[in-house]
Amino acid sequence: MPALFGIVNYLISMQNLITLASLRKQTRKGVSTWRFLHDAETDRYFAVGGEQLKLIPATSKKHLLSMYENFKSYGYKKELAMQLSFA
């Protein structure tokens, strides 16, 4: 896990990294967030996120879009619904 954590931090800190989209989902542990990224310098695509930080490389922009749609099918959304509490 430490090696993966280092790779993810490296990717997120890169200047040429562009966030194309992000999705969130409320879970029992908190909020799971995924970012769908493009590295303009190397022309590579990645999905980064999750409750336990993960990095998933995509083979192309089309593959990244497929991953994005897959996450949406599991209940991830662009924005979290607001939870209203009435006292």
Protein backbone atom coordinates (compact mmCIF):
# COMPACT_ATOMS: atom_id res chain seq x y z
CA MET A 1 0.00 0.00 0.00
CA PRO A 2 2.76 2.58 0.73
CA ALA A 3 4.03 2.33 -2.87
CA LEU A 4 0.52 2.91 -4.25
CA PHE A 5 -0.01 5.82 -1.87
CA GLY A 6 3.22 7.38 -3.17
CA ILE A 7 2.15 6.94 -6.80
CA VAL A 8 -1.26 8.47 -6.14
CA ASN A 9 0.28 11.47 -4.33
CA TYR A 10 2.73 11.90 -7.20
CA LEU A 11 -0.07 11.86 -9.77
CA ILE A 12 -2.25 14.29 -7.85
CA SER A 13 0.65 16.72 -7.39
CA MET A 14 1.59 16.82 -11.08
CA GLN A 15 1.07 20.15 -12.80
CA ASN A 16 -0.14 18.59 -16.05
CA LEU A 17 -2.88 16.54 -14.40
CA ILE A 18 -6.38 17.59 -15.41
CA THR A 19 -9.46 16.47 -13.49
CA LEU A 20 -12.04 15.59 -16.13
CA ALA A 21 -14.76 14.58 -13.67
CA SER A 22 -15.37 13.40 -10.14
CA LEU A 23 -18.04 11.24 -8.54
CA ARG A 24 -19.07 10.76 -4.91
CA LYS A 25 -21.07 8.27 -2.92
CA GLN A 26 -22.10 8.25 0.74
CA THR A 27 -20.96 5.04 2.42
CA ARG A 28 -21.13 3.67 5.95
CA LYS A 29 -17.57 4.89 6.53
CA GLY A 30 -18.05 8.35 5.02
CA VAL A 31 -17.83 9.68 1.49
CA SER A 32 -16.13 7.75 -1.29
CA THR A 33 -14.78 10.08 -3.98
CA TRP A 34 -13.30 9.16 -7.36
CA ARG A 35 -11.47 11.57 -9.65
CA PHE A 36 -11.11 10.82 -13.36
CA LEU A 37 -7.85 12.33 -14.57
CA HIS A 38 -5.86 13.03 -17.71
CA ASP A 39 -2.11 13.58 -17.70
CA ALA A 40 -1.58 15.99 -20.59
CA GLU A 41 2.18 15.42 -20.69
CA THR A 42 2.03 11.64 -21.14
CA ASP A 43 -1.52 11.49 -22.59
CA ARG A 44 -2.53 8.90 -19.97
CA TYR A 45 -5.83 8.50 -18.14
CA PHE A 46 -6.48 7.40 -14.55
CA ALA A 47 -9.22 7.00 -11.98
CA VAL A 48 -8.07 7.75 -8.42
CA GLY A 49 -10.07 7.46 -5.22
CA GLY A 50 -12.15 5.22 -3.02
CA GLU A 51 -12.40 4.72 0.74
CA GLN A 52 -9.06 2.95 0.59
CA LEU A 53 -7.12 5.01 -1.95
CA LYS A 54 -6.75 3.20 -5.27
CA LEU A 55 -5.40 4.05 -8.69
CA ILE A 56 -6.91 2.48 -11.80
CA PRO A 57 -5.13 3.18 -15.09
CA ALA A 58 -7.27 3.49 -18.22
CA THR A 59 -6.03 2.43 -21.64
CA SER A 60 -7.77 5.37 -23.38
CA LYS A 61 -10.23 8.22 -22.90
CA LYS A 62 -13.00 5.87 -24.05
CA HIS A 63 -11.95 3.34 -21.38
CA LEU A 64 -11.99 6.11 -18.73
CA LEU A 65 -15.50 7.10 -19.81
CA SER A 66 -16.55 3.46 -19.49
CA MET A 67 -15.16 3.38 -15.93
CA TYR A 68 -16.99 6.63 -15.14
CA GLU A 69 -20.30 5.18 -16.35
CA ASN A 70 -19.63 1.99 -14.37
CA PHE A 71 -19.15 3.98 -11.16
CA LYS A 72 -22.43 5.81 -11.85
CA SER A 73 -24.17 2.43 -12.16
CA TYR A 74 -22.96 1.66 -8.60
CA GLY A 75 -24.67 4.78 -7.24
CA TYR A 76 -21.89 7.36 -7.52
CA LYS A 77 -23.10 10.87 -8.41
CA LYS A 78 -21.61 14.23 -9.35
CA GLU A 79 -22.96 15.74 -6.13
CA LEU A 80 -24.07 14.28 -2.84
CA ALA A 81 -27.67 14.78 -1.82
CA MET A 82 -27.98 17.14 1.12
CA GLN A 83 -29.15 15.50 4.30
CA LEU A 84 -31.70 17.65 6.07
CA SER A 85 -32.23 17.21 9.76
CA PHE A 86 -35.25 18.53 11.56
CA ALA A 87 -34.96 19.19 15.29
